[in-house]
Amino acid sequence: MSWREEITIEMQRARAAATSGNAGKARTSARRAVGIALTEHQRKVQGRKYGTDVIGQLRSLAADGTVDDSVRAAAERLQARLSPQFESPSKDPVGDATLIIRYLLEDLT
């Protein structure tokens, strides 16, 4: 299976989970999809090293001043821990992941 197919599957899982009200699973699948895209991006783009685990990758992406502000903000929300009330700063993890993945794919082409 190609990395693009893996991203598609994870995003389908994220959308299904969001639709069924399972925010935790939606966030996890969205993060996995972004992690796949970031790993491929690092492999193909010289000088881009964000790390090996998805949370580290998201944190590094959020801190990368060469990346568009909206992408950095989405990465920041998606990597953030839950609040003490178990709420995520990413109210739309599928949207955040979609924004990041589109940016990464555009950079690869």
Protein backbone atom coordinates (compact mmCIF):
# COMPACT_ATOMS: atom_id res chain seq x y z
CA MET A 1 0.00 0.00 0.00
CA SER A 2 1.31 3.45 -0.89
CA TRP A 3 1.72 6.25 1.60
CA ARG A 4 -1.01 8.20 -0.20
CA GLU A 5 -3.42 5.29 0.26
CA GLU A 6 -2.49 5.09 3.94
CA ILE A 7 -3.28 8.79 4.35
CA THR A 8 -6.63 8.32 2.60
CA ILE A 9 -7.56 5.42 4.88
CA GLU A 10 -6.63 7.31 8.06
CA MET A 11 -8.56 10.39 6.92
CA GLN A 12 -11.60 8.21 6.16
CA ARG A 13 -11.34 6.79 9.68
CA ALA A 14 -11.01 10.30 11.12
CA ARG A 15 -14.09 11.54 9.24
CA ALA A 16 -16.14 8.48 10.27
CA ALA A 17 -15.13 8.91 13.90
CA ALA A 18 -15.95 12.63 13.84
CA THR A 19 -19.34 11.91 12.29
CA SER A 20 -20.14 9.33 14.95
CA GLY A 21 -19.10 11.69 17.74
CA ASN A 22 -15.87 9.91 18.69
CA ALA A 23 -13.60 12.96 18.97
CA GLY A 24 -10.68 11.02 20.44
CA LYS A 25 -10.55 8.55 17.57
CA ALA A 26 -11.00 11.36 15.05
CA ARG A 27 -8.03 13.22 16.53
CA THR A 28 -5.88 10.07 16.64
CA SER A 29 -6.62 9.11 13.03
CA ALA A 30 -6.08 12.70 11.86
CA ARG A 31 -2.72 12.75 13.64
CA ARG A 32 -1.74 9.42 12.06
CA ALA A 33 -2.57 10.74 8.59
CA VAL A 34 -0.45 13.84 9.16
CA GLY A 35 2.37 11.68 10.52
CA ILE A 36 2.39 9.62 7.33
CA ALA A 37 2.50 12.78 5.21
CA LEU A 38 5.24 14.35 7.34
CA THR A 39 7.37 11.20 7.20
CA GLU A 40 7.11 11.11 3.41
CA HIS A 41 7.79 14.84 3.21
CA GLN A 42 10.95 14.47 5.28
CA ARG A 43 12.07 11.61 3.08
CA LYS A 44 11.69 13.60 -0.13
CA VAL A 45 12.51 17.21 0.82
CA GLN A 46 16.14 17.86 1.60
CA GLY A 47 16.71 19.68 4.88
CA ARG A 48 13.25 19.04 6.34
CA LYS A 49 13.61 17.05 9.55
CA TYR A 50 10.65 17.07 11.89
CA GLY A 51 11.32 13.91 13.91
CA THR A 52 10.15 10.32 13.98
CA ASP A 53 6.99 10.32 16.11
CA VAL A 54 3.86 12.17 15.08
CA ILE A 55 3.63 14.44 18.14
CA GLY A 56 7.27 15.47 17.78
CA GLN A 57 6.72 16.03 14.06
CA LEU A 58 3.69 18.21 14.72
CA ARG A 59 5.56 20.24 17.34
CA SER A 60 8.48 20.76 14.97
CA LEU A 61 6.14 21.75 12.14
CA ALA A 62 4.36 24.22 14.45
CA ALA A 63 7.72 25.79 15.31
CA ASP A 64 8.99 25.98 11.70
CA GLY A 65 9.00 29.67 10.77
CA THR A 66 9.27 28.86 7.06
CA VAL A 67 5.82 27.25 7.07
CA ASP A 68 2.58 29.15 6.46
CA ASP A 69 1.03 30.51 9.68
CA SER A 70 -2.28 28.69 9.17
CA VAL A 71 -0.45 25.37 8.81
CA ARG A 72 1.65 26.06 11.89
CA ALA A 73 -1.48 26.93 13.88
CA ALA A 74 -3.21 23.72 12.74
CA ALA A 75 -0.15 21.69 13.76
CA GLU A 76 -0.10 23.41 17.15
CA ARG A 77 -3.77 22.61 17.78
CA LEU A 78 -3.45 19.03 16.59
CA GLN A 79 -0.42 18.24 18.76
CA ALA A 80 -1.75 19.88 21.92
CA ARG A 81 -2.73 17.86 24.95
CA LEU A 82 -6.28 17.69 26.19
CA SER A 83 -7.32 20.22 28.81
CA PRO A 84 -8.11 19.06 32.37
CA GLN A 85 -11.74 18.95 31.16
CA PHE A 86 -10.67 16.51 28.41
CA GLU A 87 -11.23 19.05 25.64
CA SER A 88 -8.94 19.34 22.65
CA PRO A 89 -7.67 22.68 21.35
CA SER A 90 -8.37 21.21 17.90
CA LYS A 91 -12.12 21.53 17.53
CA ASP A 92 -11.83 20.21 13.97
CA PRO A 93 -8.98 17.67 13.80
CA VAL A 94 -10.06 16.51 10.34
CA GLY A 95 -9.93 20.09 9.05
CA ASP A 96 -6.57 20.71 10.72
CA ALA A 97 -5.13 17.51 9.25
CA THR A 98 -6.53 18.30 5.81
CA LEU A 99 -4.91 21.75 5.85
CA ILE A 100 -1.52 20.32 6.87
CA ILE A 101 -1.61 17.43 4.40
CA ARG A 102 -2.58 19.71 1.50
CA TYR A 103 0.31 22.01 2.33
CA LEU A 104 2.77 19.10 2.48
CA LEU A 105 1.52 17.55 -0.75
CA GLU A 106 1.76 20.88 -2.57
CA ASP A 107 5.34 21.19 -1.34
CA LEU A 108 6.14 17.75 -2.78
CA THR A 109 4.88 18.64 -6.27
